[in-house]
Amino acid sequence: MASTTTIHKRKRSLQDARIDLSKMRMALDSLSVLREELDGIQETDKEMDTITEHVGALERILRGAQKTKLSFSTMKKDDLAQLDVVRKRLVFHPDRLAALVQQLTPKATDEIDLLRDRLLEFERGSRMIIDAVLLTVAKIANANEQSKSHVAILPGLAIASGTVSGSHAVDYAVIQYRDELDNKERLLGLGGGRDDAFKISQSDFFLVEAKPRQSSDLSALVSSIPEVVAQAVALQQTTRRTEVRFCLSNGHTWIFFILKPKTVGWSYYESATRQLGREMLGNSSIGTGRALYEMVQLALEWLAPSAAELYELLD
């Protein structure tokens, strides 16, 4: 008789396992949907209560694991707290921002006026508005004759880290770089890689995450904040920068952020929403169309900070 070989699979400790809680959350969401579909059917009430209770208990156990892993797309506020990420306030000083707008060169003002005309000409989608704003920012930055730097807009730049599972492509990485050595070819050349993008940029870059606009309801945009904060955390872990600047926008509404690492965890500073609807664009005068000028100037500052006391970081 042929001998049988018994293979013993090594048991792993929960503390040694890498747990993806996004799958657990999807299971809980599916149970919630199923509960709604079966609502009122007496025979299923007790069973659903028991299943939900057990799945919830399992999630709480897994949350205690040292190597819990989370997903960008399913990130929630509670998950940020688990990663020791704390929300704080970023408050702009209106007088300092107004002074910055007044410092715009005539060429920059002309570019913003052209942008305003394009935005008013048609009803544009979220991506088209964001594309137009970022292209104008790049044109103004590249027109600075005193600087030898250039601006590249890199769509779909992948970000990954050990804290958040998988890789995720941020919608836009706006990078300022010096046109020296082979920097330009690495960033923009045919077949050029982007692995070195944040090394080439030194400290002058910011991220933009674009979301579709859903009427005037901002809840969908606000619900995406944990996702974009997680992207910034992942980038900070990869680059070890002392701060990461980023934005969240649906084209009409913009939120500006700064992420800073702490001894344990991170703090992210969130601005109030800034509006860029048609009614805010005004005419070609800085006075009546100030919102657009301020938006472009803030994007320029997020790319390469130069203004002192533009904002305060508060608890």
Protein backbone atom coordinates (compact mmCIF):
# COMPACT_ATOMS: atom_id res chain seq x y z
CA MET A 1 0.00 0.00 0.00
CA ALA A 2 1.38 3.37 -0.98
CA SER A 3 2.20 5.54 1.96
CA THR A 4 0.34 8.78 2.37
CA THR A 5 2.13 11.98 3.20
CA THR A 6 0.48 14.38 5.56
CA ILE A 7 1.24 18.03 4.92
CA HIS A 8 0.86 20.28 7.89
CA LYS A 9 0.16 23.88 6.97
CA ARG A 10 1.87 26.29 9.33
CA LYS A 11 -0.65 28.21 11.36
CA ARG A 12 -0.21 31.96 11.35
CA SER A 13 -0.79 34.31 14.22
CA LEU A 14 -3.33 37.05 13.66
CA GLN A 15 -0.55 39.52 14.50
CA ASP A 16 1.56 38.13 11.63
CA ALA A 17 -1.19 38.36 9.02
CA ARG A 18 -1.79 41.24 6.66
CA ILE A 19 -5.52 41.94 6.89
CA ASP A 20 -7.46 43.81 4.19
CA LEU A 21 -10.40 45.36 6.05
CA SER A 22 -11.94 46.67 2.83
CA LYS A 23 -13.21 43.13 2.11
CA MET A 24 -14.79 42.99 5.54
CA ARG A 25 -16.48 46.34 4.95
CA MET A 26 -17.84 45.15 1.59
CA ALA A 27 -19.28 42.10 3.35
CA LEU A 28 -20.99 44.32 5.93
CA ASP A 29 -22.35 46.56 3.16
CA SER A 30 -23.73 43.52 1.33
CA LEU A 31 -25.39 42.32 4.54
CA SER A 32 -26.96 45.74 4.98
CA VAL A 33 -28.41 45.62 1.46
CA LEU A 34 -29.67 42.07 2.02
CA ARG A 35 -31.29 43.12 5.29
CA GLU A 36 -33.21 45.87 3.48
CA GLU A 37 -34.40 43.42 0.81
CA LEU A 38 -35.60 40.93 3.44
CA ASP A 39 -37.10 43.56 5.73
CA GLY A 40 -40.46 42.44 7.08
CA ILE A 41 -39.95 38.73 6.45
CA GLN A 42 -40.28 37.32 9.96
CA GLU A 43 -38.36 34.12 9.31
CA THR A 44 -35.16 35.99 8.36
CA ASP A 45 -35.01 38.64 11.09
CA LYS A 46 -33.31 36.51 13.73
CA GLU A 47 -30.86 34.91 11.30
CA MET A 48 -29.83 38.28 9.85
CA ASP A 49 -29.30 39.72 13.31
CA THR A 50 -27.08 36.80 14.24
CA ILE A 51 -25.01 36.95 11.03
CA THR A 52 -24.52 40.71 11.28
CA GLU A 53 -23.51 40.41 14.92
CA HIS A 54 -20.89 37.75 14.15
CA VAL A 55 -19.45 39.62 11.16
CA GLY A 56 -19.28 42.82 13.20
CA ALA A 57 -17.50 40.98 16.00
CA LEU A 58 -14.98 39.55 13.52
CA GLU A 59 -14.27 43.03 12.13
CA ARG A 60 -13.58 44.31 15.64
CA ILE A 61 -11.15 41.43 16.23
CA LEU A 62 -9.35 42.08 12.95
CA ARG A 63 -9.07 45.78 13.72
CA GLY A 64 -6.91 44.77 16.66
CA ALA A 65 -4.36 43.13 14.39
CA GLN A 66 -1.02 44.95 14.19
CA LYS A 67 -0.78 44.64 10.42
CA THR A 68 -4.23 45.72 9.37
CA LYS A 69 -4.27 46.80 5.75
CA LEU A 70 -6.73 49.26 4.25
CA SER A 71 -7.78 50.18 0.73
CA PHE A 72 -7.79 53.66 -0.81
CA SER A 73 -11.20 53.34 -2.44
CA THR A 74 -13.03 52.21 0.71
CA MET A 75 -11.26 54.49 3.18
CA LYS A 76 -13.53 56.02 5.84
CA LYS A 77 -13.03 58.51 8.67
CA ASP A 78 -12.76 55.66 11.19
CA ASP A 79 -9.95 54.14 9.12
CA LEU A 80 -7.98 57.39 9.23
CA ALA A 81 -8.33 57.40 13.01
CA GLN A 82 -7.00 53.84 13.07
CA LEU A 83 -3.93 55.04 11.15
CA ASP A 84 -3.44 57.84 13.71
CA VAL A 85 -4.44 60.50 11.18
CA VAL A 86 -5.98 63.59 12.80
CA ARG A 87 -8.03 66.29 11.06
CA LYS A 88 -7.26 69.96 11.72
CA ARG A 89 -8.10 73.32 10.14
CA LEU A 90 -6.33 75.29 7.42
CA VAL A 91 -7.51 78.92 7.44
CA PHE A 92 -6.54 81.39 4.68
CA HIS A 93 -5.97 85.06 5.46
CA PRO A 94 -8.14 87.02 2.98
CA ASP A 95 -5.91 90.12 3.05
CA ARG A 96 -2.78 88.08 2.23
CA LEU A 97 -4.57 86.26 -0.57
CA ALA A 98 -5.85 89.57 -1.98
CA ALA A 99 -2.30 90.94 -1.90
CA LEU A 100 -1.08 87.89 -3.84
CA VAL A 101 -3.71 88.44 -6.52
CA GLN A 102 -2.62 92.04 -6.91
CA GLN A 103 0.93 90.81 -7.56
CA LEU A 104 -0.10 88.84 -10.65
CA THR A 105 1.79 89.93 -13.74
CA PRO A 106 -0.13 91.31 -16.75
CA LYS A 107 0.70 88.12 -18.65
CA ALA A 108 -0.71 85.99 -15.81
CA THR A 109 -3.84 88.13 -15.66
CA ASP A 110 -4.33 87.68 -19.41
CA GLU A 111 -4.06 83.89 -19.04
CA ILE A 112 -6.66 83.87 -16.26
CA ASP A 113 -9.00 86.05 -18.35
CA LEU A 114 -8.69 83.55 -21.21
CA LEU A 115 -9.45 80.77 -18.75
CA ARG A 116 -12.54 82.63 -17.53
CA ASP A 117 -13.78 83.04 -21.12
CA ARG A 118 -13.34 79.33 -21.80
CA LEU A 119 -15.18 78.35 -18.62
CA LEU A 120 -18.09 80.68 -19.40
CA GLU A 121 -18.39 79.64 -23.05
CA PHE A 122 -19.79 76.17 -22.42
CA GLU A 123 -21.20 74.02 -19.64
CA ARG A 124 -18.15 72.00 -18.79
CA GLY A 125 -17.70 68.79 -16.83
CA SER A 126 -15.57 68.43 -13.74
CA ARG A 127 -12.50 67.10 -15.51
CA MET A 128 -12.60 69.77 -18.23
CA ILE A 129 -12.69 72.55 -15.62
CA ILE A 130 -9.85 71.04 -13.59
CA ASP A 131 -7.81 70.43 -16.75
CA ALA A 132 -8.28 74.06 -17.82
CA VAL A 133 -7.33 75.45 -14.39
CA LEU A 134 -4.19 73.28 -14.11
CA LEU A 135 -3.08 74.10 -17.66
CA THR A 136 -3.39 77.81 -16.86
CA VAL A 137 -1.34 77.30 -13.69
CA ALA A 138 1.35 75.57 -15.76
CA LYS A 139 1.39 78.35 -18.37
CA ILE A 140 1.78 81.06 -15.72
CA ALA A 141 4.51 79.16 -13.88
CA ASN A 142 6.39 78.39 -17.11
CA ALA A 143 6.21 82.05 -18.19
CA ASN A 144 8.28 83.17 -15.20
CA GLU A 145 11.46 84.29 -16.91
CA GLN A 146 13.34 84.56 -13.62
CA SER A 147 12.88 80.86 -12.95
CA LYS A 148 14.62 78.02 -14.76
CA SER A 149 11.92 75.63 -13.64
CA HIS A 150 9.18 74.05 -15.72
CA VAL A 151 5.85 72.51 -14.79
CA ALA A 152 4.63 69.04 -15.76
CA ILE A 153 1.10 67.74 -15.18
CA LEU A 154 1.21 63.97 -14.77
CA PRO A 155 -2.21 62.25 -14.89
CA GLY A 156 -2.73 58.84 -13.34
CA LEU A 157 0.46 58.72 -11.29
CA ALA A 158 0.51 55.51 -9.22
CA ILE A 159 1.04 55.71 -5.47
CA ALA A 160 1.54 52.73 -3.16
CA SER A 161 2.65 52.14 0.41
CA GLY A 162 2.69 49.45 3.05
CA THR A 163 -0.14 51.00 5.07
CA VAL A 164 -2.75 51.05 2.31
CA SER A 165 -3.29 48.00 0.14
CA GLY A 166 -2.51 47.94 -3.55
CA SER A 167 -1.55 50.88 -5.73
CA HIS A 168 -3.75 53.79 -6.66
CA ALA A 169 -3.41 56.30 -9.47
CA VAL A 170 -3.90 59.85 -8.24
CA ASP A 171 -5.75 61.86 -10.89
CA TYR A 172 -3.11 64.59 -11.27
CA ALA A 173 0.37 65.19 -9.93
CA VAL A 174 1.47 68.75 -10.74
CA ILE A 175 5.27 68.92 -10.56
CA GLN A 176 7.77 71.73 -10.94
CA TYR A 177 11.21 70.63 -12.07
CA ARG A 178 14.46 72.08 -13.36
CA ASP A 179 15.14 71.41 -17.04
CA GLU A 180 18.58 69.95 -16.52
CA LEU A 181 20.29 66.60 -16.93
CA ASP A 182 17.63 64.26 -18.34
CA ASN A 183 14.76 65.40 -16.10
CA LYS A 184 12.44 66.39 -18.94
CA GLU A 185 12.98 63.16 -20.83
CA ARG A 186 12.35 61.10 -17.70
CA LEU A 187 9.07 62.89 -17.01
CA LEU A 188 7.67 63.51 -20.49
CA GLY A 189 9.70 61.60 -23.05
CA LEU A 190 8.34 58.68 -25.05
CA GLY A 191 8.72 55.60 -22.89
CA GLY A 192 10.03 57.72 -20.05
CA GLY A 193 9.36 56.40 -16.57
CA ARG A 194 7.73 58.35 -13.78
CA ASP A 195 9.26 56.43 -10.90
CA ASP A 196 11.61 59.35 -10.25
CA ALA A 197 8.96 62.06 -10.55
CA PHE A 198 8.95 63.14 -6.91
CA LYS A 199 12.74 62.99 -6.69
CA ILE A 200 13.05 65.22 -9.74
CA SER A 201 10.46 67.65 -8.36
CA GLN A 202 12.37 68.12 -5.10
CA SER A 203 9.67 69.77 -2.96
CA ASP A 204 7.61 71.58 -5.59
CA PHE A 205 4.53 69.50 -6.34
CA PHE A 206 0.94 68.95 -5.32
CA LEU A 207 -1.73 66.34 -5.96
CA VAL A 208 -5.25 66.85 -7.27
CA GLU A 209 -8.02 64.28 -6.98
CA ALA A 210 -11.00 64.88 -9.30
CA LYS A 211 -14.54 63.79 -8.54
CA PRO A 212 -17.73 64.18 -10.61
CA ARG A 213 -20.09 66.97 -9.64
CA GLN A 214 -23.48 65.77 -8.40
CA SER A 215 -25.79 68.81 -8.62
CA SER A 216 -25.15 71.19 -5.71
CA ASP A 217 -24.82 68.41 -3.12
CA LEU A 218 -21.33 68.43 -1.64
CA SER A 219 -21.76 65.24 0.40
CA ALA A 220 -20.25 63.07 -2.35
CA LEU A 221 -17.20 65.31 -2.54
CA VAL A 222 -16.76 65.47 1.23
CA SER A 223 -17.10 61.68 1.50
CA SER A 224 -13.99 61.40 -0.71
CA ILE A 225 -11.78 63.24 1.78
CA PRO A 226 -10.54 60.05 3.56
CA GLU A 227 -9.48 58.63 0.18
CA VAL A 228 -7.38 61.67 -0.79
CA VAL A 229 -5.87 61.93 2.70
CA ALA A 230 -4.84 58.27 2.45
CA GLN A 231 -3.16 59.04 -0.88
CA ALA A 232 -1.19 61.83 0.78
CA VAL A 233 -0.22 59.51 3.65
CA ALA A 234 1.00 56.91 1.16
CA LEU A 235 3.03 59.50 -0.73
CA GLN A 236 4.56 60.88 2.47
CA GLN A 237 5.59 57.37 3.51
CA THR A 238 7.22 56.86 0.12
CA THR A 239 8.99 60.21 -0.20
CA ARG A 240 9.55 61.05 3.50
CA ARG A 241 8.59 64.67 2.81
CA THR A 242 7.90 66.96 5.75
CA GLU A 243 4.58 67.95 4.16
CA VAL A 244 2.37 66.96 1.24
CA ARG A 245 0.06 69.51 -0.39
CA PHE A 246 -3.03 68.31 -2.22
CA CYS A 247 -6.51 69.31 -3.42
CA LEU A 248 -9.90 67.68 -3.88
CA SER A 249 -12.23 69.13 -6.50
CA ASN A 250 -15.28 68.52 -8.65
CA GLY A 251 -14.38 71.52 -10.79
CA HIS A 252 -16.89 73.86 -9.16
CA THR A 253 -15.81 73.25 -5.55
CA TRP A 254 -12.21 73.04 -4.36
CA ILE A 255 -10.75 72.01 -0.99
CA PHE A 256 -7.07 72.56 -0.18
CA PHE A 257 -5.11 70.33 2.20
CA ILE A 258 -1.69 69.99 3.81
CA LEU A 259 -0.52 66.72 5.42
CA LYS A 260 2.28 66.71 8.01
CA PRO A 261 3.82 63.69 9.75
CA LYS A 262 3.85 63.54 13.55
CA THR A 263 6.02 61.45 15.87
CA VAL A 264 3.21 58.91 15.65
CA GLY A 265 0.81 59.24 12.73
CA TRP A 266 -0.10 62.35 10.73
CA SER A 267 -2.14 65.55 10.88
CA TYR A 268 -3.99 66.82 7.84
CA TYR A 269 -5.16 70.41 7.61
CA GLU A 270 -8.33 71.06 5.63
CA SER A 271 -9.49 74.38 4.18
CA ALA A 272 -13.07 75.55 3.86
CA THR A 273 -14.61 74.86 0.46
CA ARG A 274 -13.93 77.42 -2.26
CA GLN A 275 -16.46 77.85 -5.06
CA LEU A 276 -15.79 78.33 -8.77
CA GLY A 277 -19.30 78.24 -10.26
CA ARG A 278 -20.35 80.39 -13.21
CA GLU A 279 -21.87 82.97 -10.88
CA MET A 280 -18.45 83.37 -9.20
CA LEU A 281 -16.48 83.99 -12.39
CA GLY A 282 -17.69 87.56 -12.96
CA ASN A 283 -16.17 89.54 -15.82
CA SER A 284 -12.55 90.16 -16.77
CA SER A 285 -12.07 92.53 -13.83
CA ILE A 286 -10.16 91.20 -10.83
CA GLY A 287 -12.73 92.89 -8.62
CA THR A 288 -15.82 91.01 -9.80
CA GLY A 289 -14.11 87.80 -10.91
CA ARG A 290 -11.84 87.48 -7.88
CA ALA A 291 -12.73 83.84 -7.13
CA LEU A 292 -10.99 82.59 -10.26
CA TYR A 293 -7.88 84.71 -9.70
CA GLU A 294 -7.67 83.50 -6.10
CA MET A 295 -8.10 79.88 -7.15
CA VAL A 296 -5.29 80.04 -9.69
CA GLN A 297 -3.04 81.89 -7.24
CA LEU A 298 -3.70 79.28 -4.53
CA ALA A 299 -2.83 76.48 -6.97
CA LEU A 300 0.42 78.29 -7.79
CA GLU A 301 1.18 78.54 -4.08
CA TRP A 302 0.39 74.84 -3.56
CA LEU A 303 2.86 74.06 -6.33
CA ALA A 304 5.69 76.29 -5.04
CA PRO A 305 4.97 78.15 -1.78
CA SER A 306 6.33 81.70 -1.71
CA ALA A 307 3.93 83.82 0.37
CA ALA A 308 4.47 84.27 4.09
CA GLU A 309 1.52 84.09 6.45
CA LEU A 310 -0.93 83.14 3.70
CA TYR A 311 -2.70 80.74 6.04
CA GLU A 312 -2.75 79.41 9.58
CA LEU A 313 -2.76 75.78 10.67
CA LEU A 314 -5.15 75.42 13.60
CA ASP A 315 -6.52 72.58 15.72
